[in-house]
């Protein structure tokens, strides 16, 4: 077997070789969490599930004081289920601007990518992040930012492109499963 023989050509996103090697194109760098100089939005990274590696970037709008409760947005990034990241400059910038404009606390989900983690892994990850966010929006919840500032009665799920598909299907699944 030629290790450079292509099994799946999904350009411009990725190529999967017969050897199992995956080559991603246009992979972006990771933007560090912190306070955005322009908007004042603070962000930090959290590990939701060590077993699967599920993580998220949390965003807190500027000027939220004390135990002031804000709506919570669980956000799934786009790019065909196979590329991009909640930690990329592109999606960090987008969610940062969204949080500043809407005054929400955001949970931007770093879901597992295909083909290494076939569907439904991404759906399972976004659902787990939604459940985690809801469980965190209570006094003493596992995430202090959400426990102090997240309003469990106002949780929304959204995404762009494939992330929009994830958001729709996760909400339908959550409604069905309870």
N, C-alpha and C. Protein backbone atom coordinates (compact mmCIF):
# COMPACT_ATOMS: atom_id res chain seq x y z
N UNK A 1 0.84 -1.19 0.00
CA UNK A 1 0.00 0.00 0.00
C UNK A 1 0.89 1.25 0.00
N UNK A 2 0.55 2.16 -0.88
CA UNK A 2 1.25 3.43 -0.96
C UNK A 2 0.67 4.34 0.12
N UNK A 3 1.49 4.76 1.13
CA UNK A 3 0.96 5.59 2.22
C UNK A 3 0.48 6.96 1.74
N UNK A 4 0.90 7.39 0.55
CA UNK A 4 0.47 8.68 0.01
C UNK A 4 -0.73 8.57 -0.92
N UNK A 5 -1.29 7.35 -1.05
CA UNK A 5 -2.47 7.19 -1.88
C UNK A 5 -3.68 7.80 -1.15
N UNK A 6 -4.43 8.60 -1.87
CA UNK A 6 -5.56 9.32 -1.29
C UNK A 6 -6.79 8.41 -1.23
N UNK A 7 -7.40 8.37 -0.05
CA UNK A 7 -8.65 7.64 0.13
C UNK A 7 -9.85 8.58 -0.01
N UNK A 8 -9.76 9.76 0.63
CA UNK A 8 -10.84 10.76 0.57
C UNK A 8 -10.22 12.12 0.30
N UNK A 9 -10.69 12.78 -0.76
CA UNK A 9 -10.21 14.12 -1.09
C UNK A 9 -11.36 15.09 -0.81
N UNK A 10 -11.27 15.79 0.31
CA UNK A 10 -12.29 16.75 0.72
C UNK A 10 -11.68 18.15 0.73
N UNK A 11 -10.91 18.44 -0.34
CA UNK A 11 -10.28 19.73 -0.48
C UNK A 11 -11.37 20.78 -0.66
N UNK A 12 -11.30 21.94 -0.03
CA UNK A 12 -10.16 22.59 0.58
C UNK A 12 -10.03 22.35 2.08
N UNK A 13 -10.78 21.39 2.62
CA UNK A 13 -10.74 21.15 4.06
C UNK A 13 -9.66 20.14 4.46
N UNK A 14 -9.70 18.96 3.84
CA UNK A 14 -8.75 17.92 4.23
C UNK A 14 -8.62 16.85 3.17
N UNK A 15 -7.58 16.05 3.34
CA UNK A 15 -7.36 14.85 2.54
C UNK A 15 -7.06 13.73 3.52
N UNK A 16 -7.69 12.57 3.32
CA UNK A 16 -7.43 11.39 4.13
C UNK A 16 -6.70 10.39 3.23
N UNK A 17 -5.55 9.92 3.71
CA UNK A 17 -4.74 8.97 2.95
C UNK A 17 -5.06 7.55 3.39
N UNK A 18 -4.78 6.60 2.52
CA UNK A 18 -5.05 5.18 2.81
C UNK A 18 -4.35 4.73 4.09
N UNK A 19 -3.24 5.36 4.42
CA UNK A 19 -2.51 5.01 5.64
C UNK A 19 -3.25 5.44 6.90
N UNK A 20 -4.30 6.29 6.73
CA UNK A 20 -5.04 6.82 7.87
C UNK A 20 -4.62 8.22 8.26
N UNK A 21 -3.53 8.69 7.66
CA UNK A 21 -3.06 10.04 7.93
C UNK A 21 -4.07 11.05 7.39
N UNK A 22 -4.30 12.12 8.16
CA UNK A 22 -5.22 13.18 7.76
C UNK A 22 -4.41 14.46 7.60
N UNK A 23 -4.58 15.11 6.46
CA UNK A 23 -3.92 16.40 6.20
C UNK A 23 -5.01 17.46 6.11
N UNK A 24 -4.98 18.42 7.04
CA UNK A 24 -5.93 19.54 7.03
C UNK A 24 -5.30 20.74 6.36
N UNK A 25 -6.12 21.49 5.62
CA UNK A 25 -5.65 22.69 4.94
C UNK A 25 -6.26 23.91 5.62
N UNK A 26 -5.53 25.01 5.60
CA UNK A 26 -6.05 26.25 6.14
C UNK A 26 -6.25 26.22 7.64
N UNK A 27 -5.61 25.30 8.32
CA UNK A 27 -5.73 25.20 9.77
C UNK A 27 -5.23 26.49 10.39
N UNK A 28 -6.02 27.06 11.25
CA UNK A 28 -5.65 28.33 11.84
C UNK A 28 -4.90 28.12 13.15
N UNK A 29 -4.26 29.17 13.57
CA UNK A 29 -3.55 29.12 14.84
C UNK A 29 -4.54 29.24 16.00
N UNK A 30 -4.04 29.04 17.17
CA UNK A 30 -4.85 29.16 18.39
C UNK A 30 -4.66 30.56 18.96
N UNK A 31 -5.76 31.23 19.25
CA UNK A 31 -5.71 32.54 19.88
C UNK A 31 -5.86 32.34 21.39
N UNK A 32 -5.00 32.97 22.14
CA UNK A 32 -5.05 32.82 23.60
C UNK A 32 -6.29 33.48 24.17
N UNK A 33 -6.80 32.90 25.23
CA UNK A 33 -7.91 33.49 25.97
C UNK A 33 -7.38 34.67 26.77
N UNK A 34 -8.28 35.56 27.17
CA UNK A 34 -7.89 36.73 27.96
C UNK A 34 -8.94 37.81 27.82
N UNK A 35 -8.57 39.03 28.11
CA UNK A 35 -9.49 40.15 27.97
C UNK A 35 -9.21 40.86 26.66
N UNK A 36 -10.25 41.03 25.83
CA UNK A 36 -10.10 41.69 24.55
C UNK A 36 -9.94 43.19 24.77
N UNK A 37 -8.89 43.76 24.19
CA UNK A 37 -8.58 45.18 24.40
C UNK A 37 -9.65 46.11 23.82
N UNK A 38 -10.31 45.70 22.76
CA UNK A 38 -11.30 46.55 22.11
C UNK A 38 -12.66 46.53 22.82
N UNK A 39 -13.13 45.32 23.16
CA UNK A 39 -14.49 45.19 23.72
C UNK A 39 -14.53 45.04 25.23
N UNK A 40 -13.41 44.64 25.82
CA UNK A 40 -13.40 44.38 27.25
C UNK A 40 -13.99 43.04 27.63
N UNK A 41 -14.38 42.23 26.65
CA UNK A 41 -14.91 40.89 26.91
C UNK A 41 -13.78 40.01 27.42
N UNK A 42 -14.04 39.30 28.52
CA UNK A 42 -13.06 38.37 29.09
C UNK A 42 -13.36 36.97 28.58
N UNK A 43 -12.32 36.18 28.39
CA UNK A 43 -12.51 34.78 27.99
C UNK A 43 -11.53 33.90 28.73
N UNK A 44 -11.94 32.64 28.89
CA UNK A 44 -11.06 31.63 29.48
C UNK A 44 -11.44 30.28 28.92
N UNK A 45 -10.51 29.35 28.97
CA UNK A 45 -10.74 28.00 28.46
C UNK A 45 -11.03 27.04 29.61
N UNK A 46 -11.96 26.12 29.36
CA UNK A 46 -12.33 25.14 30.38
C UNK A 46 -12.39 23.75 29.75
N UNK A 47 -12.10 22.76 30.56
CA UNK A 47 -12.25 21.36 30.17
C UNK A 47 -13.58 20.87 30.73
N UNK A 48 -14.45 20.41 29.86
CA UNK A 48 -15.78 19.95 30.26
C UNK A 48 -15.76 18.46 30.59
N UNK A 49 -15.07 17.68 29.75
CA UNK A 49 -15.05 16.23 29.93
C UNK A 49 -13.65 15.70 29.59
N UNK A 50 -12.92 15.32 30.60
CA UNK A 50 -11.54 14.83 30.39
C UNK A 50 -11.52 13.54 29.58
N UNK A 51 -12.53 12.70 29.72
CA UNK A 51 -12.55 11.41 29.02
C UNK A 51 -12.58 11.59 27.50
N UNK A 52 -13.30 12.58 27.02
CA UNK A 52 -13.40 12.81 25.57
C UNK A 52 -12.53 13.97 25.11
N UNK A 53 -12.02 14.76 26.05
CA UNK A 53 -11.26 15.94 25.70
C UNK A 53 -12.14 17.14 25.36
N UNK A 54 -13.42 17.04 25.65
CA UNK A 54 -14.35 18.12 25.34
C UNK A 54 -13.98 19.37 26.14
N UNK A 55 -13.79 20.47 25.41
CA UNK A 55 -13.41 21.73 26.02
C UNK A 55 -14.27 22.84 25.44
N UNK A 56 -14.15 24.01 26.03
CA UNK A 56 -14.88 25.18 25.53
C UNK A 56 -14.12 26.44 25.91
N UNK A 57 -14.43 27.50 25.19
CA UNK A 57 -13.95 28.82 25.56
C UNK A 57 -15.16 29.59 26.07
N UNK A 58 -15.06 30.11 27.30
CA UNK A 58 -16.13 30.90 27.90
C UNK A 58 -15.85 32.38 27.68
N UNK A 59 -16.91 33.14 27.47
CA UNK A 59 -16.81 34.58 27.26
C UNK A 59 -17.75 35.29 28.22
N UNK A 60 -17.25 36.33 28.86
CA UNK A 60 -18.03 37.12 29.82
C UNK A 60 -17.99 38.57 29.38
N UNK A 61 -19.18 39.20 29.19
CA UNK A 61 -19.19 40.58 28.71
C UNK A 61 -18.62 41.55 29.74
N UNK A 62 -18.13 42.66 29.24
CA UNK A 62 -17.58 43.72 30.09
C UNK A 62 -18.72 44.32 30.93
N UNK A 63 -18.40 44.66 32.16
CA UNK A 63 -19.34 45.38 32.99
C UNK A 63 -20.35 44.53 33.74
N UNK A 64 -20.23 43.22 33.67
CA UNK A 64 -21.13 42.36 34.44
C UNK A 64 -20.63 42.38 35.88
N UNK A 65 -21.50 42.79 36.78
CA UNK A 65 -21.06 42.96 38.17
C UNK A 65 -21.72 41.96 39.09
N UNK A 66 -21.03 41.68 40.19
CA UNK A 66 -21.58 40.82 41.24
C UNK A 66 -22.20 39.56 40.70
N UNK A 67 -23.41 39.31 41.11
CA UNK A 67 -24.09 38.09 40.67
C UNK A 67 -25.16 38.42 39.63
N UNK A 68 -24.89 39.44 38.82
CA UNK A 68 -25.81 39.82 37.74
C UNK A 68 -25.93 38.67 36.75
N UNK A 69 -27.16 38.20 36.50
CA UNK A 69 -27.40 37.06 35.62
C UNK A 69 -27.60 37.52 34.17
N UNK A 70 -26.95 36.82 33.26
CA UNK A 70 -27.02 37.11 31.83
C UNK A 70 -27.54 35.88 31.10
N UNK A 71 -28.14 36.07 29.91
CA UNK A 71 -28.47 34.92 29.07
C UNK A 71 -27.19 34.15 28.72
N UNK A 72 -27.33 32.88 28.45
CA UNK A 72 -26.20 32.03 28.10
C UNK A 72 -26.36 31.56 26.66
N UNK A 73 -25.30 31.68 25.89
CA UNK A 73 -25.28 31.21 24.52
C UNK A 73 -24.28 30.07 24.41
N UNK A 74 -24.75 28.90 23.99
CA UNK A 74 -23.86 27.78 23.66
C UNK A 74 -23.67 27.85 22.15
N UNK A 75 -22.42 28.02 21.73
CA UNK A 75 -22.13 28.29 20.32
C UNK A 75 -21.26 27.18 19.73
N UNK A 76 -21.64 26.72 18.51
CA UNK A 76 -20.87 25.71 17.78
C UNK A 76 -20.31 26.35 16.51
N UNK A 77 -18.99 26.28 16.35
CA UNK A 77 -18.34 26.86 15.17
C UNK A 77 -18.66 26.06 13.92
N UNK A 78 -18.42 26.66 12.79
CA UNK A 78 -18.65 26.01 11.51
C UNK A 78 -17.38 25.44 10.92
N UNK A 79 -17.45 25.07 9.67
CA UNK A 79 -16.38 24.56 8.81
C UNK A 79 -16.48 23.07 8.56
N UNK A 80 -17.67 22.63 8.23
CA UNK A 80 -17.86 21.29 7.69
C UNK A 80 -17.60 20.13 8.62
N UNK A 81 -17.64 20.33 9.91
CA UNK A 81 -17.40 19.28 10.91
C UNK A 81 -15.96 18.78 10.92
N UNK A 82 -15.09 19.35 10.08
CA UNK A 82 -13.75 18.79 9.91
C UNK A 82 -12.61 19.75 10.19
N UNK A 83 -12.92 21.03 10.37
CA UNK A 83 -11.83 21.97 10.61
C UNK A 83 -12.33 23.13 11.47
N UNK A 84 -11.45 24.07 11.70
CA UNK A 84 -11.68 25.22 12.56
C UNK A 84 -11.74 24.81 14.03
N UNK A 85 -11.91 25.81 14.88
CA UNK A 85 -11.82 25.57 16.31
C UNK A 85 -12.47 26.72 17.07
N UNK A 86 -12.99 26.42 18.23
CA UNK A 86 -13.51 27.45 19.12
C UNK A 86 -12.38 28.35 19.59
N UNK A 87 -11.15 27.88 19.50
CA UNK A 87 -9.99 28.63 19.96
C UNK A 87 -9.28 29.39 18.84
N UNK A 88 -9.80 29.33 17.63
CA UNK A 88 -9.15 30.00 16.50
C UNK A 88 -9.38 31.51 16.57
N UNK A 89 -8.51 32.29 15.95
CA UNK A 89 -8.72 33.74 15.91
C UNK A 89 -10.07 34.10 15.28
N UNK A 90 -10.47 33.37 14.25
CA UNK A 90 -11.73 33.64 13.54
C UNK A 90 -12.93 33.53 14.47
N UNK A 91 -13.06 32.41 15.16
CA UNK A 91 -14.24 32.20 16.00
C UNK A 91 -14.12 32.88 17.35
N UNK A 92 -12.92 33.05 17.87
CA UNK A 92 -12.76 33.83 19.09
C UNK A 92 -13.19 35.27 18.83
N UNK A 93 -12.77 35.82 17.70
CA UNK A 93 -13.16 37.18 17.35
C UNK A 93 -14.66 37.33 17.15
N UNK A 94 -15.25 36.36 16.46
CA UNK A 94 -16.68 36.42 16.19
C UNK A 94 -17.50 36.35 17.49
N UNK A 95 -17.21 35.35 18.32
CA UNK A 95 -17.98 35.19 19.56
C UNK A 95 -17.71 36.36 20.50
N UNK A 96 -16.50 36.86 20.52
CA UNK A 96 -16.17 38.02 21.32
C UNK A 96 -17.06 39.21 20.94
N UNK A 97 -17.19 39.47 19.64
CA UNK A 97 -18.03 40.58 19.16
C UNK A 97 -19.49 40.33 19.48
N UNK A 98 -19.93 39.09 19.34
CA UNK A 98 -21.31 38.72 19.65
C UNK A 98 -21.64 38.95 21.12
N UNK A 99 -20.74 38.54 21.99
CA UNK A 99 -20.92 38.71 23.44
C UNK A 99 -20.97 40.19 23.79
N UNK A 100 -20.09 40.99 23.18
CA UNK A 100 -20.07 42.43 23.46
C UNK A 100 -21.37 43.09 23.01
N UNK A 101 -21.90 42.70 21.86
CA UNK A 101 -23.10 43.32 21.32
C UNK A 101 -24.38 42.84 22.02
N UNK A 102 -24.43 41.56 22.36
CA UNK A 102 -25.66 40.98 22.90
C UNK A 102 -25.71 40.94 24.43
N UNK A 103 -24.58 41.09 25.09
CA UNK A 103 -24.56 41.04 26.55
C UNK A 103 -24.90 39.68 27.10
N UNK A 104 -24.36 38.64 26.46
CA UNK A 104 -24.58 37.26 26.90
C UNK A 104 -23.28 36.67 27.42
N UNK A 105 -23.39 35.61 28.19
CA UNK A 105 -22.25 34.78 28.54
C UNK A 105 -22.24 33.67 27.50
N UNK A 106 -21.10 33.42 26.89
CA UNK A 106 -21.04 32.41 25.82
C UNK A 106 -20.15 31.24 26.19
N UNK A 107 -20.56 30.07 25.70
CA UNK A 107 -19.80 28.83 25.80
C UNK A 107 -19.55 28.40 24.36
N UNK A 108 -18.34 28.62 23.86
CA UNK A 108 -17.99 28.26 22.49
C UNK A 108 -17.35 26.87 22.53
N UNK A 109 -18.02 25.90 21.93
CA UNK A 109 -17.68 24.48 22.10
C UNK A 109 -16.57 24.04 21.15
N UNK A 110 -15.56 23.43 21.70
CA UNK A 110 -14.46 22.83 20.93
C UNK A 110 -14.80 21.35 20.73
N UNK A 111 -15.71 21.09 19.80
CA UNK A 111 -16.17 19.71 19.58
C UNK A 111 -15.15 18.92 18.78
N UNK A 112 -15.23 17.60 18.90
CA UNK A 112 -14.31 16.71 18.19
C UNK A 112 -14.61 16.73 16.70
N UNK A 113 -13.55 16.72 15.90
CA UNK A 113 -13.67 16.84 14.45
C UNK A 113 -13.65 15.48 13.76
N UNK A 114 -14.40 15.39 12.67
CA UNK A 114 -14.33 14.24 11.77
C UNK A 114 -13.12 14.46 10.86
N UNK A 115 -12.53 13.46 10.29
CA UNK A 115 -12.93 12.07 10.29
C UNK A 115 -12.37 11.25 11.45
N UNK A 116 -11.46 11.84 12.24
CA UNK A 116 -10.91 11.08 13.37
C UNK A 116 -12.00 10.69 14.36
N UNK A 117 -12.99 11.53 14.49
CA UNK A 117 -14.12 11.29 15.40
C UNK A 117 -15.40 11.39 14.56
N UNK A 118 -15.85 10.28 13.99
CA UNK A 118 -17.00 10.33 13.08
C UNK A 118 -18.27 10.86 13.77
N UNK A 119 -19.14 11.39 12.92
CA UNK A 119 -20.47 11.79 13.38
C UNK A 119 -21.09 10.55 14.00
N UNK A 120 -21.67 10.60 15.17
CA UNK A 120 -22.27 11.75 15.84
C UNK A 120 -21.43 12.36 16.96
N UNK A 121 -20.10 12.19 16.96
CA UNK A 121 -19.28 12.71 18.06
C UNK A 121 -19.49 14.21 18.27
N UNK A 122 -19.53 14.99 17.19
CA UNK A 122 -19.72 16.44 17.32
C UNK A 122 -21.06 16.76 17.97
N UNK A 123 -22.11 16.04 17.58
CA UNK A 123 -23.44 16.25 18.17
C UNK A 123 -23.42 15.91 19.66
N UNK A 124 -22.79 14.79 19.98
CA UNK A 124 -22.69 14.38 21.38
C UNK A 124 -21.95 15.43 22.20
N UNK A 125 -20.89 15.99 21.63
CA UNK A 125 -20.09 17.00 22.34
C UNK A 125 -20.89 18.27 22.60
N UNK A 126 -21.61 18.75 21.59
CA UNK A 126 -22.38 19.99 21.78
C UNK A 126 -23.52 19.75 22.77
N UNK A 127 -24.14 18.59 22.71
CA UNK A 127 -25.18 18.27 23.69
C UNK A 127 -24.58 18.21 25.10
N UNK A 128 -23.44 17.58 25.24
CA UNK A 128 -22.78 17.51 26.56
C UNK A 128 -22.43 18.90 27.06
N UNK A 129 -21.98 19.78 26.17
CA UNK A 129 -21.65 21.15 26.56
C UNK A 129 -22.91 21.91 26.98
N UNK A 130 -24.00 21.69 26.28
CA UNK A 130 -25.28 22.32 26.65
C UNK A 130 -25.72 21.85 28.04
N UNK A 131 -25.67 20.57 28.28
CA UNK A 131 -26.05 20.02 29.60
C UNK A 131 -25.13 20.54 30.69
N UNK A 132 -23.83 20.60 30.40
CA UNK A 132 -22.85 21.12 31.35
C UNK A 132 -23.13 22.58 31.67
N UNK A 133 -23.42 23.38 30.63
CA UNK A 133 -23.71 24.80 30.83
C UNK A 133 -24.95 24.96 31.70
N UNK A 134 -25.99 24.19 31.41
CA UNK A 134 -27.23 24.29 32.21
C UNK A 134 -26.96 23.90 33.66
N UNK A 135 -26.18 22.85 33.86
CA UNK A 135 -25.87 22.39 35.23
C UNK A 135 -24.95 23.38 35.96
N UNK A 136 -24.21 24.18 35.20
CA UNK A 136 -23.29 25.14 35.80
C UNK A 136 -23.98 26.44 36.22
N UNK A 137 -25.15 26.71 35.69
CA UNK A 137 -25.86 27.98 35.95
C UNK A 137 -26.68 27.92 37.24
N UNK A 138 -26.12 27.33 38.25
CA UNK A 138 -26.78 27.26 39.56
C UNK A 138 -25.74 27.58 40.63
N UNK A 139 -26.16 28.09 41.77
CA UNK A 139 -25.19 28.35 42.83
C UNK A 139 -24.38 27.10 43.14
N UNK A 140 -23.07 27.24 43.18
CA UNK A 140 -22.19 26.11 43.45
C UNK A 140 -21.97 25.22 42.25
N UNK A 141 -22.42 25.64 41.06
CA UNK A 141 -22.23 24.84 39.85
C UNK A 141 -20.76 24.66 39.54
N UNK A 142 -20.44 23.72 38.64
CA UNK A 142 -19.03 23.37 38.38
C UNK A 142 -18.20 24.49 37.75
N UNK A 143 -18.83 25.48 37.11
CA UNK A 143 -18.07 26.57 36.49
C UNK A 143 -18.47 27.88 37.14
N UNK A 144 -17.53 28.53 37.85
CA UNK A 144 -17.85 29.76 38.59
C UNK A 144 -18.45 30.89 37.75
N UNK A 145 -17.95 31.14 36.54
CA UNK A 145 -18.51 32.22 35.72
C UNK A 145 -19.98 31.97 35.43
N UNK A 146 -20.32 30.73 35.10
CA UNK A 146 -21.72 30.41 34.80
C UNK A 146 -22.56 30.37 36.07
N UNK A 147 -22.00 29.86 37.16
CA UNK A 147 -22.74 29.82 38.43
C UNK A 147 -23.10 31.22 38.89
N UNK A 148 -22.19 32.16 38.70
CA UNK A 148 -22.42 33.52 39.17
C UNK A 148 -23.20 34.38 38.17
N UNK A 149 -22.96 34.16 36.86
CA UNK A 149 -23.52 35.08 35.87
C UNK A 149 -24.47 34.44 34.86
N UNK A 150 -24.58 33.12 34.80
CA UNK A 150 -25.44 32.47 33.82
C UNK A 150 -26.87 32.31 34.30
N UNK A 151 -27.82 32.69 33.47
CA UNK A 151 -29.24 32.57 33.78
C UNK A 151 -29.76 31.27 33.18
N UNK A 152 -30.05 30.30 34.02
CA UNK A 152 -30.47 28.97 33.55
C UNK A 152 -31.84 29.00 32.86
N UNK A 153 -32.59 30.08 32.99
CA UNK A 153 -33.89 30.19 32.31
C UNK A 153 -33.77 30.83 30.93
N UNK A 154 -32.55 31.26 30.58
CA UNK A 154 -32.33 31.89 29.27
C UNK A 154 -31.06 31.32 28.63
N UNK A 155 -31.15 30.07 28.20
CA UNK A 155 -30.03 29.41 27.52
C UNK A 155 -30.41 29.23 26.06
N UNK A 156 -29.51 29.66 25.18
CA UNK A 156 -29.73 29.60 23.75
C UNK A 156 -28.61 28.81 23.10
N UNK A 157 -28.90 28.18 21.96
CA UNK A 157 -27.89 27.41 21.22
C UNK A 157 -27.87 27.95 19.79
N UNK A 158 -26.68 28.22 19.29
CA UNK A 158 -26.53 28.75 17.93
C UNK A 158 -25.21 28.27 17.35
N UNK A 159 -25.06 28.47 16.07
CA UNK A 159 -23.82 28.14 15.39
C UNK A 159 -23.84 28.67 13.98
N UNK A 160 -22.69 28.59 13.33
CA UNK A 160 -22.60 29.01 11.94
C UNK A 160 -22.28 27.81 11.07
N UNK A 161 -22.91 27.75 9.89
CA UNK A 161 -22.67 26.68 8.92
C UNK A 161 -22.92 25.32 9.57
N UNK A 162 -21.93 24.45 9.59
CA UNK A 162 -22.13 23.14 10.22
C UNK A 162 -22.47 23.29 11.69
N UNK A 163 -22.01 24.37 12.31
CA UNK A 163 -22.36 24.64 13.70
C UNK A 163 -23.84 24.94 13.85
N UNK A 164 -24.45 25.56 12.84
CA UNK A 164 -25.89 25.78 12.85
C UNK A 164 -26.65 24.46 12.78
N UNK A 165 -26.12 23.52 11.99
CA UNK A 165 -26.70 22.19 11.93
C UNK A 165 -26.59 21.50 13.28
N UNK A 166 -25.44 21.63 13.90
CA UNK A 166 -25.25 21.06 15.24
C UNK A 166 -26.24 21.67 16.23
N UNK A 167 -26.36 22.99 16.21
CA UNK A 167 -27.27 23.68 17.14
C UNK A 167 -28.70 23.19 16.96
N UNK A 168 -29.17 23.14 15.73
CA UNK A 168 -30.55 22.70 15.46
C UNK A 168 -30.78 21.28 15.97
N UNK A 169 -29.91 20.38 15.59
CA UNK A 169 -30.10 18.98 15.96
C UNK A 169 -29.93 18.73 17.45
N UNK A 170 -29.04 19.45 18.09
CA UNK A 170 -28.84 19.30 19.54
C UNK A 170 -30.07 19.79 20.30
N UNK A 171 -30.65 20.91 19.87
CA UNK A 171 -31.86 21.41 20.54
C UNK A 171 -33.01 20.42 20.34
N UNK A 172 -33.15 19.88 19.15
CA UNK A 172 -34.20 18.89 18.89
C UNK A 172 -33.98 17.65 19.77
N UNK A 173 -32.75 17.21 19.86
CA UNK A 173 -32.41 16.04 20.67
C UNK A 173 -32.65 16.32 22.16
N UNK A 174 -32.24 17.50 22.62
CA UNK A 174 -32.44 17.86 24.03
C UNK A 174 -33.93 17.92 24.35
N UNK A 175 -34.73 18.44 23.44
CA UNK A 175 -36.17 18.50 23.65
C UNK A 175 -36.79 17.12 23.72
N UNK A 176 -36.28 16.21 22.91
CA UNK A 176 -36.82 14.85 22.87
C UNK A 176 -36.36 14.04 24.07
N UNK A 177 -35.09 14.18 24.44
CA UNK A 177 -34.52 13.37 25.52
C UNK A 177 -34.75 14.00 26.90
N UNK A 178 -35.06 15.28 26.93
CA UNK A 178 -35.33 15.95 28.19
C UNK A 178 -34.17 16.57 28.83
